[in-house]
């Protein structure tokens, strides 16, 4: 399994989109500036996950927020 994720800072003003095949790596990332997992998608295929990550990285902030709020309306940390 592969995951495309969006993490944010404490104030939910900055976002980082990434990809991992290890959920534990997301927990380790919590020690960094972007420590709140607020969105993720699951993929069986790394190629599809990489394509989606690139797509999301090109999105405007408003589009990303709308996507995130469909899954996580209050932008709560999922970890």
PDB file of N, CA and C in Angstrom:
ATOM      1  N   UNK A   1       0.835  -1.192   0.000  1.00  0.00           N
ATOM      2  CA  UNK A   1       0.000   0.000   0.000  1.00  0.00           C
ATOM      3  C   UNK A   1       0.874   1.247   0.000  1.00  0.00           C
ATOM      4  N   UNK A   2       0.409   2.250  -0.702  1.00  0.00           N
ATOM      5  CA  UNK A   2       1.065   3.554  -0.740  1.00  0.00           C
ATOM      6  C   UNK A   2       0.049   4.604  -0.316  1.00  0.00           C
ATOM      7  N   UNK A   3       0.557   5.655   0.258  1.00  0.00           N
ATOM      8  CA  UNK A   3      -0.308   6.723   0.750  1.00  0.00           C
ATOM      9  C   UNK A   3       0.169   8.070   0.231  1.00  0.00           C
ATOM     10  N   UNK A   4      -0.766   8.845  -0.282  1.00  0.00           N
ATOM     11  CA  UNK A   4      -0.520  10.249  -0.578  1.00  0.00           C
ATOM     12  C   UNK A   4      -1.139  10.997   0.588  1.00  0.00           C
ATOM     13  N   UNK A   5      -0.387  11.915   1.155  1.00  0.00           N
ATOM     14  CA  UNK A   5      -0.856  12.576   2.366  1.00  0.00           C
ATOM     15  C   UNK A   5      -0.643  14.082   2.297  1.00  0.00           C
ATOM     16  N   UNK A   6      -1.374  14.779   3.139  1.00  0.00           N
ATOM     17  CA  UNK A   6      -1.169  16.211   3.341  1.00  0.00           C
ATOM     18  C   UNK A   6      -1.027  16.416   4.839  1.00  0.00           C
ATOM     19  N   UNK A   7       0.071  17.035   5.225  1.00  0.00           N
ATOM     20  CA  UNK A   7       0.313  17.385   6.621  1.00  0.00           C
ATOM     21  C   UNK A   7       0.332  18.901   6.741  1.00  0.00           C
ATOM     22  N   UNK A   8       0.094  19.385   7.954  1.00  0.00           N
ATOM     23  CA  UNK A   8       0.056  20.835   8.150  1.00  0.00           C
ATOM     24  C   UNK A   8       0.798  21.240   9.418  1.00  0.00           C
ATOM     25  N   UNK A   9       1.008  22.536   9.534  1.00  0.00           N
ATOM     26  CA  UNK A   9       1.604  23.094  10.743  1.00  0.00           C
ATOM     27  C   UNK A   9       0.524  23.247  11.814  1.00  0.00           C
ATOM     28  N   UNK A  10       0.914  23.718  12.984  1.00  0.00           N
ATOM     29  CA  UNK A  10      -0.032  23.867  14.103  1.00  0.00           C
ATOM     30  C   UNK A  10      -1.191  24.799  13.785  1.00  0.00           C
ATOM     31  N   UNK A  11      -0.941  25.855  13.028  1.00  0.00           N
ATOM     32  CA  UNK A  11      -1.972  26.853  12.740  1.00  0.00           C
ATOM     33  C   UNK A  11      -2.836  26.502  11.529  1.00  0.00           C
ATOM     34  N   UNK A  12      -2.502  25.406  10.854  1.00  0.00           N
ATOM     35  CA  UNK A  12      -3.216  24.982   9.642  1.00  0.00           C
ATOM     36  C   UNK A  12      -3.139  26.056   8.549  1.00  0.00           C
ATOM     37  N   UNK A  13      -1.969  26.693   8.450  1.00  0.00           N
ATOM     38  CA  UNK A  13      -1.773  27.718   7.421  1.00  0.00           C
ATOM     39  C   UNK A  13      -0.801  27.273   6.345  1.00  0.00           C
ATOM     40  N   UNK A  14       0.005  26.265   6.639  1.00  0.00           N
ATOM     41  CA  UNK A  14       0.967  25.743   5.671  1.00  0.00           C
ATOM     42  C   UNK A  14       0.737  24.252   5.528  1.00  0.00           C
ATOM     43  N   UNK A  15       0.871  23.775   4.279  1.00  0.00           N
ATOM     44  CA  UNK A  15       0.578  22.381   3.986  1.00  0.00           C
ATOM     45  C   UNK A  15       1.707  21.767   3.176  1.00  0.00           C
ATOM     46  N   UNK A  16       1.932  20.489   3.399  1.00  0.00           N
ATOM     47  CA  UNK A  16       2.951  19.744   2.681  1.00  0.00           C
ATOM     48  C   UNK A  16       2.310  18.466   2.158  1.00  0.00           C
ATOM     49  N   UNK A  17       2.450  18.231   0.871  1.00  0.00           N
ATOM     50  CA  UNK A  17       1.920  17.025   0.239  1.00  0.00           C
ATOM     51  C   UNK A  17       3.074  16.067   0.001  1.00  0.00           C
ATOM     52  N   UNK A  18       2.852  14.796   0.313  1.00  0.00           N
ATOM     53  CA  UNK A  18       3.908  13.815   0.136  1.00  0.00           C
ATOM     54  C   UNK A  18       3.355  12.435  -0.136  1.00  0.00           C
ATOM     55  N   UNK A  19       4.278  11.483  -0.218  1.00  0.00           N
ATOM     56  CA  UNK A  19       3.918  10.098  -0.503  1.00  0.00           C
ATOM     57  C   UNK A  19       4.767   9.198   0.386  1.00  0.00           C
ATOM     58  N   UNK A  20       4.185   8.088   0.829  1.00  0.00           N
ATOM     59  CA  UNK A  20       4.930   7.122   1.632  1.00  0.00           C
ATOM     60  C   UNK A  20       4.326   5.735   1.438  1.00  0.00           C
ATOM     61  N   UNK A  21       5.124   4.734   1.709  1.00  0.00           N
ATOM     62  CA  UNK A  21       4.595   3.372   1.749  1.00  0.00           C
ATOM     63  C   UNK A  21       4.669   2.846   3.187  1.00  0.00           C
ATOM     64  N   UNK A  22       4.965   3.747   4.104  1.00  0.00           N
ATOM     65  CA  UNK A  22       5.151   3.380   5.498  1.00  0.00           C
ATOM     66  C   UNK A  22       4.423   4.365   6.409  1.00  0.00           C
ATOM     67  N   UNK A  23       3.322   3.937   6.984  1.00  0.00           N
ATOM     68  CA  UNK A  23       2.550   4.824   7.873  1.00  0.00           C
ATOM     69  C   UNK A  23       3.362   5.257   9.082  1.00  0.00           C
ATOM     70  N   UNK A  24       4.291   4.433   9.513  1.00  0.00           N
ATOM     71  CA  UNK A  24       5.120   4.800  10.660  1.00  0.00           C
ATOM     72  C   UNK A  24       5.977   6.017  10.338  1.00  0.00           C
ATOM     73  N   UNK A  25       6.345   6.182   9.084  1.00  0.00           N
ATOM     74  CA  UNK A  25       7.142   7.341   8.675  1.00  0.00           C
ATOM     75  C   UNK A  25       6.361   8.628   8.892  1.00  0.00           C
ATOM     76  N   UNK A  26       5.061   8.580   8.731  1.00  0.00           N
ATOM     77  CA  UNK A  26       4.237   9.769   8.978  1.00  0.00           C
ATOM     78  C   UNK A  26       4.286  10.154  10.443  1.00  0.00           C
ATOM     79  N   UNK A  27       4.308   9.175  11.318  1.00  0.00           N
ATOM     80  CA  UNK A  27       4.393   9.462  12.746  1.00  0.00           C
ATOM     81  C   UNK A  27       5.741  10.091  13.084  1.00  0.00           C
ATOM     82  N   UNK A  28       6.802   9.650  12.434  1.00  0.00           N
ATOM     83  CA  UNK A  28       8.121  10.238  12.663  1.00  0.00           C
ATOM     84  C   UNK A  28       8.158  11.679  12.185  1.00  0.00           C
ATOM     85  N   UNK A  29       7.407  11.973  11.145  1.00  0.00           N
ATOM     86  CA  UNK A  29       7.365  13.333  10.609  1.00  0.00           C
ATOM     87  C   UNK A  29       6.713  14.298  11.590  1.00  0.00           C
ATOM     88  N   UNK A  30       6.021  13.777  12.582  1.00  0.00           N
ATOM     89  CA  UNK A  30       5.326  14.643  13.533  1.00  0.00           C
ATOM     90  C   UNK A  30       6.288  15.464  14.388  1.00  0.00           C
ATOM     91  N   UNK A  31       7.555  15.120  14.359  1.00  0.00           N
ATOM     92  CA  UNK A  31       8.540  15.879  15.119  1.00  0.00           C
ATOM     93  C   UNK A  31       9.026  17.093  14.332  1.00  0.00           C
ATOM     94  N   UNK A  32       8.566  17.243  13.125  1.00  0.00           N
ATOM     95  CA  UNK A  32       8.958  18.354  12.266  1.00  0.00           C
ATOM     96  C   UNK A  32       7.913  19.455  12.319  1.00  0.00           C
ATOM     97  N   UNK A  33       8.141  20.478  11.537  1.00  0.00           N
ATOM     98  CA  UNK A  33       7.231  21.627  11.485  1.00  0.00           C
ATOM     99  C   UNK A  33       5.818  21.210  11.059  1.00  0.00           C
ATOM    100  N   UNK A  34       5.725  20.326  10.083  1.00  0.00           N
ATOM    101  CA  UNK A  34       4.436  19.852   9.581  1.00  0.00           C
ATOM    102  C   UNK A  34       4.097  18.564  10.319  1.00  0.00           C
ATOM    103  N   UNK A  35       3.423  18.689  11.444  1.00  0.00           N
ATOM    104  CA  UNK A  35       3.241  17.520  12.290  1.00  0.00           C
ATOM    105  C   UNK A  35       1.820  17.002  12.392  1.00  0.00           C
ATOM    106  N   UNK A  36       0.908  17.560  11.625  1.00  0.00           N
ATOM    107  CA  UNK A  36      -0.482  17.117  11.704  1.00  0.00           C
ATOM    108  C   UNK A  36      -0.920  16.506  10.376  1.00  0.00           C
ATOM    109  N   UNK A  37      -1.169  15.204  10.390  1.00  0.00           N
ATOM    110  CA  UNK A  37      -1.720  14.541   9.213  1.00  0.00           C
ATOM    111  C   UNK A  37      -3.189  14.929   9.134  1.00  0.00           C
ATOM    112  N   UNK A  38      -3.571  15.620   8.061  1.00  0.00           N
ATOM    113  CA  UNK A  38      -4.965  16.065   7.964  1.00  0.00           C
ATOM    114  C   UNK A  38      -5.695  15.458   6.768  1.00  0.00           C
ATOM    115  N   UNK A  39      -4.956  14.743   5.892  1.00  0.00           N
ATOM    116  CA  UNK A  39      -5.600  14.142   4.726  1.00  0.00           C
ATOM    117  C   UNK A  39      -4.707  13.027   4.193  1.00  0.00           C
ATOM    118  N   UNK A  40      -5.334  11.975   3.679  1.00  0.00           N
ATOM    119  CA  UNK A  40      -4.570  10.932   2.996  1.00  0.00           C
ATOM    120  C   UNK A  40      -5.458  10.194   2.010  1.00  0.00           C
ATOM    121  N   UNK A  41      -4.820   9.587   1.044  1.00  0.00           N
ATOM    122  CA  UNK A  41      -5.467   8.689   0.084  1.00  0.00           C
ATOM    123  C   UNK A  41      -4.614   7.430   0.010  1.00  0.00           C
ATOM    124  N   UNK A  42      -5.252   6.295  -0.197  1.00  0.00           N
ATOM    125  CA  UNK A  42      -4.564   5.010  -0.254  1.00  0.00           C
ATOM    126  C   UNK A  42      -4.519   4.505  -1.693  1.00  0.00           C
ATOM    127  N   UNK A  43      -3.371   3.947  -2.074  1.00  0.00           N
ATOM    128  CA  UNK A  43      -3.185   3.397  -3.413  1.00  0.00           C
ATOM    129  C   UNK A  43      -2.489   2.049  -3.305  1.00  0.00           C
ATOM    130  N   UNK A  44      -2.847   1.143  -4.177  1.00  0.00           N
ATOM    131  CA  UNK A  44      -2.183  -0.165  -4.223  1.00  0.00           C
ATOM    132  C   UNK A  44      -0.925  -0.107  -5.076  1.00  0.00           C
ATOM    133  N   UNK A  45      -0.862   0.882  -5.940  1.00  0.00           N
ATOM    134  CA  UNK A  45       0.196   0.960  -6.935  1.00  0.00           C
ATOM    135  C   UNK A  45       0.995   2.251  -6.741  1.00  0.00           C
ATOM    136  N   UNK A  46       2.305   2.134  -6.618  1.00  0.00           N
ATOM    137  CA  UNK A  46       3.162   3.300  -6.412  1.00  0.00           C
ATOM    138  C   UNK A  46       3.065   4.282  -7.574  1.00  0.00           C
ATOM    139  N   UNK A  47       2.953   3.774  -8.775  1.00  0.00           N
ATOM    140  CA  UNK A  47       2.865   4.649  -9.952  1.00  0.00           C
ATOM    141  C   UNK A  47       1.641   5.565  -9.863  1.00  0.00           C
ATOM    142  N   UNK A  48       0.496   5.010  -9.476  1.00  0.00           N
ATOM    143  CA  UNK A  48      -0.725   5.814  -9.344  1.00  0.00           C
ATOM    144  C   UNK A  48      -0.600   6.826  -8.202  1.00  0.00           C
ATOM    145  N   UNK A  49       0.019   6.406  -7.116  1.00  0.00           N
ATOM    146  CA  UNK A  49       0.216   7.312  -5.979  1.00  0.00           C
ATOM    147  C   UNK A  49       1.112   8.479  -6.377  1.00  0.00           C
ATOM    148  N   UNK A  50       2.165   8.202  -7.126  1.00  0.00           N
ATOM    149  CA  UNK A  50       3.073   9.261  -7.562  1.00  0.00           C
ATOM    150  C   UNK A  50       2.370  10.238  -8.497  1.00  0.00           C
ATOM    151  N   UNK A  51       1.524   9.712  -9.357  1.00  0.00           N
ATOM    152  CA  UNK A  51       0.762  10.573 -10.271  1.00  0.00           C
ATOM    153  C   UNK A  51      -0.171  11.493  -9.481  1.00  0.00           C
ATOM    154  N   UNK A  52      -0.840  10.938  -8.480  1.00  0.00           N
ATOM    155  CA  UNK A  52      -1.765  11.739  -7.670  1.00  0.00           C
ATOM    156  C   UNK A  52      -1.015  12.793  -6.846  1.00  0.00           C
ATOM    157  N   UNK A  53       0.129  12.413  -6.301  1.00  0.00           N
ATOM    158  CA  UNK A  53       0.934  13.365  -5.530  1.00  0.00           C
ATOM    159  C   UNK A  53       1.318  14.564  -6.402  1.00  0.00           C
ATOM    160  N   UNK A  54       1.787  14.298  -7.600  1.00  0.00           N
ATOM    161  CA  UNK A  54       2.162  15.386  -8.517  1.00  0.00           C
ATOM    162  C   UNK A  54       0.965  16.272  -8.829  1.00  0.00           C
ATOM    163  N   UNK A  55      -0.184  15.635  -9.028  1.00  0.00           N
ATOM    164  CA  UNK A  55      -1.404  16.389  -9.317  1.00  0.00           C
ATOM    165  C   UNK A  55      -1.755  17.323  -8.151  1.00  0.00           C
ATOM    166  N   UNK A  56      -1.754  16.790  -6.939  1.00  0.00           N
ATOM    167  CA  UNK A  56      -2.108  17.598  -5.768  1.00  0.00           C
ATOM    168  C   UNK A  56      -1.109  18.722  -5.519  1.00  0.00           C
ATOM    169  N   UNK A  57       0.153  18.477  -5.802  1.00  0.00           N
ATOM    170  CA  UNK A  57       1.169  19.510  -5.600  1.00  0.00           C
ATOM    171  C   UNK A  57       0.956  20.701  -6.533  1.00  0.00           C
ATOM    172  N   UNK A  58       0.293  20.478  -7.656  1.00  0.00           N
ATOM    173  CA  UNK A  58       0.018  21.569  -8.605  1.00  0.00           C
ATOM    174  C   UNK A  58      -1.252  22.339  -8.249  1.00  0.00           C
ATOM    175  N   UNK A  59      -2.059  21.806  -7.368  1.00  0.00           N
ATOM    176  CA  UNK A  59      -3.332  22.441  -7.014  1.00  0.00           C
ATOM    177  C   UNK A  59      -3.127  23.735  -6.243  1.00  0.00           C
ATOM    178  N   UNK A  60      -4.060  24.642  -6.420  1.00  0.00           N
ATOM    179  CA  UNK A  60      -4.093  25.878  -5.639  1.00  0.00           C
ATOM    180  C   UNK A  60      -4.517  25.546  -4.213  1.00  0.00           C
ATOM    181  N   UNK A  61      -4.164  26.415  -3.288  1.00  0.00           N
ATOM    182  CA  UNK A  61      -4.471  26.189  -1.874  1.00  0.00           C
ATOM    183  C   UNK A  61      -5.969  25.995  -1.632  1.00  0.00           C
ATOM    184  N   UNK A  62      -6.794  26.797  -2.272  1.00  0.00           N
ATOM    185  CA  UNK A  62      -8.243  26.680  -2.091  1.00  0.00           C
ATOM    186  C   UNK A  62      -8.775  25.326  -2.514  1.00  0.00           C
ATOM    187  N   UNK A  63      -8.231  24.789  -3.585  1.00  0.00           N
ATOM    188  CA  UNK A  63      -8.657  23.471  -4.055  1.00  0.00           C
ATOM    189  C   UNK A  63      -8.265  22.401  -3.037  1.00  0.00           C
ATOM    190  N   UNK A  64      -7.029  22.501  -2.517  1.00  0.00           N
ATOM    191  CA  UNK A  64      -6.576  21.526  -1.520  1.00  0.00           C
ATOM    192  C   UNK A  64      -7.444  21.589  -0.265  1.00  0.00           C
ATOM    193  N   UNK A  65      -7.740  22.793   0.187  1.00  0.00           N
ATOM    194  CA  UNK A  65      -8.574  22.931   1.392  1.00  0.00           C
ATOM    195  C   UNK A  65      -9.958  22.336   1.189  1.00  0.00           C
ATOM    196  N   UNK A  66     -10.536  22.542   0.024  1.00  0.00           N
ATOM    197  CA  UNK A  66     -11.855  21.965  -0.266  1.00  0.00           C
ATOM    198  C   UNK A  66     -11.788  20.438  -0.230  1.00  0.00           C
ATOM    199  N   UNK A  67     -10.742  19.871  -0.803  1.00  0.00           N
ATOM    200  CA  UNK A  67     -10.555  18.420  -0.798  1.00  0.00           C
ATOM    201  C   UNK A  67     -10.397  17.905   0.632  1.00  0.00           C
ATOM    202  N   UNK A  68      -9.540  18.553   1.393  1.00  0.00           N
ATOM    203  CA  UNK A  68      -9.291  18.144   2.779  1.00  0.00           C
ATOM    204  C   UNK A  68     -10.576  18.213   3.598  1.00  0.00           C
ATOM    205  N   UNK A  69     -11.324  19.291   3.439  1.00  0.00           N
ATOM    206  CA  UNK A  69     -12.530  19.495   4.256  1.00  0.00           C
ATOM    207  C   UNK A  69     -13.646  18.516   3.925  1.00  0.00           C
ATOM    208  N   UNK A  70     -13.616  17.904   2.742  1.00  0.00           N
ATOM    209  CA  UNK A  70     -14.606  16.861   2.438  1.00  0.00           C
ATOM    210  C   UNK A  70     -14.380  15.637   3.320  1.00  0.00           C
ATOM    211  N   UNK A  71     -13.114  15.341   3.612  1.00  0.00           N
ATOM    212  CA  UNK A  71     -12.782  14.178   4.436  1.00  0.00           C
ATOM    213  C   UNK A  71     -12.644  14.561   5.911  1.00  0.00           C
ATOM    214  N   UNK A  72     -12.176  15.761   6.158  1.00  0.00           N
ATOM    215  CA  UNK A  72     -11.811  16.181   7.509  1.00  0.00           C
ATOM    216  C   UNK A  72     -12.232  17.644   7.708  1.00  0.00           C
ATOM    217  N   UNK A  73     -13.531  17.902   7.876  1.00  0.00           N
ATOM    218  CA  UNK A  73     -14.063  19.272   7.905  1.00  0.00           C
ATOM    219  C   UNK A  73     -13.430  20.199   8.941  1.00  0.00           C
ATOM    220  N   UNK A  74     -13.001  19.652  10.063  1.00  0.00           N
ATOM    221  CA  UNK A  74     -12.437  20.500  11.121  1.00  0.00           C
ATOM    222  C   UNK A  74     -10.910  20.533  11.100  1.00  0.00           C
ATOM    223  N   UNK A  75     -10.318  19.916  10.081  1.00  0.00           N
ATOM    224  CA  UNK A  75      -8.858  19.870   9.921  1.00  0.00           C
ATOM    225  C   UNK A  75      -8.158  19.296  11.154  1.00  0.00           C
ATOM    226  N   UNK A  76      -8.793  18.304  11.765  1.00  0.00           N
ATOM    227  CA  UNK A  76      -8.208  17.661  12.946  1.00  0.00           C
ATOM    228  C   UNK A  76      -7.066  16.745  12.527  1.00  0.00           C
ATOM    229  N   UNK A  77      -6.097  16.597  13.407  1.00  0.00           N
ATOM    230  CA  UNK A  77      -4.989  15.689  13.159  1.00  0.00           C
ATOM    231  C   UNK A  77      -5.510  14.252  13.168  1.00  0.00           C
ATOM    232  N   UNK A  78      -5.156  13.482  12.170  1.00  0.00           N
ATOM    233  CA  UNK A  78      -5.649  12.114  12.039  1.00  0.00           C
ATOM    234  C   UNK A  78      -4.739  11.086  12.711  1.00  0.00           C
ATOM    235  N   UNK A  79      -3.611  11.520  13.222  1.00  0.00           N
ATOM    236  CA  UNK A  79      -2.707  10.602  13.937  1.00  0.00           C
ATOM    237  C   UNK A  79      -2.837  10.769  15.426  1.00  0.00           C
TER     238      UNK A  79
END
